[in-house]
């Protein structure tokens, strides 16, 4: 019984670490994409502003 409980907690800890790692990389990937889109949008707006002046 004690060994089963140890395996359960070890599995739970490893699963939570894997979940946290997945979330860190997933949110970082999504944020990186959004930053690239934002940079392009702001660059285009700046170029359009310079053309109109």
C-alpha atoms as a PDB file:
ATOM      1  CA  UNK A   1       0.000   0.000   0.000  1.00  0.00           C
ATOM      2  CA  UNK A   2       2.768   2.436   0.897  1.00  0.00           C
ATOM      3  CA  UNK A   3       4.561   1.787  -2.412  1.00  0.00           C
ATOM      4  CA  UNK A   4       1.364   2.410  -4.371  1.00  0.00           C
ATOM      5  CA  UNK A   5       0.885   5.755  -2.628  1.00  0.00           C
ATOM      6  CA  UNK A   6       4.476   6.725  -3.452  1.00  0.00           C
ATOM      7  CA  UNK A   7       3.968   5.914  -7.131  1.00  0.00           C
ATOM      8  CA  UNK A   8       0.750   7.890  -7.145  1.00  0.00           C
ATOM      9  CA  UNK A   9       2.391  11.007  -5.704  1.00  0.00           C
ATOM     10  CA  UNK A  10       5.446  10.660  -7.938  1.00  0.00           C
ATOM     11  CA  UNK A  11       3.172  10.382 -10.973  1.00  0.00           C
ATOM     12  CA  UNK A  12       1.180  13.385  -9.830  1.00  0.00           C
ATOM     13  CA  UNK A  13       4.321  15.476  -9.322  1.00  0.00           C
ATOM     14  CA  UNK A  14       5.787  14.523 -12.705  1.00  0.00           C
ATOM     15  CA  UNK A  15       2.462  15.173 -14.437  1.00  0.00           C
ATOM     16  CA  UNK A  16       2.207  18.623 -12.856  1.00  0.00           C
ATOM     17  CA  UNK A  17       5.783  19.469 -13.886  1.00  0.00           C
ATOM     18  CA  UNK A  18       5.054  18.328 -17.447  1.00  0.00           C
ATOM     19  CA  UNK A  19       1.828  20.354 -17.526  1.00  0.00           C
ATOM     20  CA  UNK A  20       3.624  23.467 -16.246  1.00  0.00           C
ATOM     21  CA  UNK A  21       6.382  23.024 -18.833  1.00  0.00           C
ATOM     22  CA  UNK A  22       3.819  22.628 -21.601  1.00  0.00           C
ATOM     23  CA  UNK A  23       2.022  25.795 -20.521  1.00  0.00           C
ATOM     24  CA  UNK A  24       5.250  27.807 -20.339  1.00  0.00           C
ATOM     25  CA  UNK A  25       6.239  26.853 -23.882  1.00  0.00           C
ATOM     26  CA  UNK A  26       2.711  27.170 -25.284  1.00  0.00           C
ATOM     27  CA  UNK A  27       2.153  30.652 -23.839  1.00  0.00           C
ATOM     28  CA  UNK A  28       5.650  31.702 -24.932  1.00  0.00           C
ATOM     29  CA  UNK A  29       4.994  30.494 -28.483  1.00  0.00           C
ATOM     30  CA  UNK A  30       1.637  32.291 -28.662  1.00  0.00           C
ATOM     31  CA  UNK A  31       3.151  35.486 -27.226  1.00  0.00           C
ATOM     32  CA  UNK A  32       6.033  35.356 -29.705  1.00  0.00           C
ATOM     33  CA  UNK A  33       3.584  35.090 -32.598  1.00  0.00           C
ATOM     34  CA  UNK A  34       1.551  37.987 -31.253  1.00  0.00           C
ATOM     35  CA  UNK A  35       4.644  40.156 -30.815  1.00  0.00           C
ATOM     36  CA  UNK A  36       5.663  39.486 -34.439  1.00  0.00           C
ATOM     37  CA  UNK A  37       2.191  40.447 -35.700  1.00  0.00           C
ATOM     38  CA  UNK A  38       2.141  43.547 -33.512  1.00  0.00           C
ATOM     39  CA  UNK A  39       5.586  44.608 -34.739  1.00  0.00           C
ATOM     40  CA  UNK A  40       4.499  44.229 -38.373  1.00  0.00           C
ATOM     41  CA  UNK A  41       1.282  46.150 -37.747  1.00  0.00           C
ATOM     42  CA  UNK A  42       3.054  49.006 -35.991  1.00  0.00           C
ATOM     43  CA  UNK A  43       5.736  49.108 -38.707  1.00  0.00           C
ATOM     44  CA  UNK A  44       3.087  49.337 -41.405  1.00  0.00           C
ATOM     45  CA  UNK A  45       1.247  52.060 -39.496  1.00  0.00           C
ATOM     46  CA  UNK A  46       4.497  54.020 -39.079  1.00  0.00           C
ATOM     47  CA  UNK A  47       5.304  53.679 -42.788  1.00  0.00           C
ATOM     48  CA  UNK A  48       1.772  54.813 -43.704  1.00  0.00           C
ATOM     49  CA  UNK A  49       2.104  57.784 -41.333  1.00  0.00           C
ATOM     50  CA  UNK A  50       5.393  58.826 -42.957  1.00  0.00           C
ATOM     51  CA  UNK A  51       3.833  58.638 -46.424  1.00  0.00           C
ATOM     52  CA  UNK A  52       0.936  60.924 -45.469  1.00  0.00           C
ATOM     53  CA  UNK A  53       3.207  63.605 -43.983  1.00  0.00           C
END
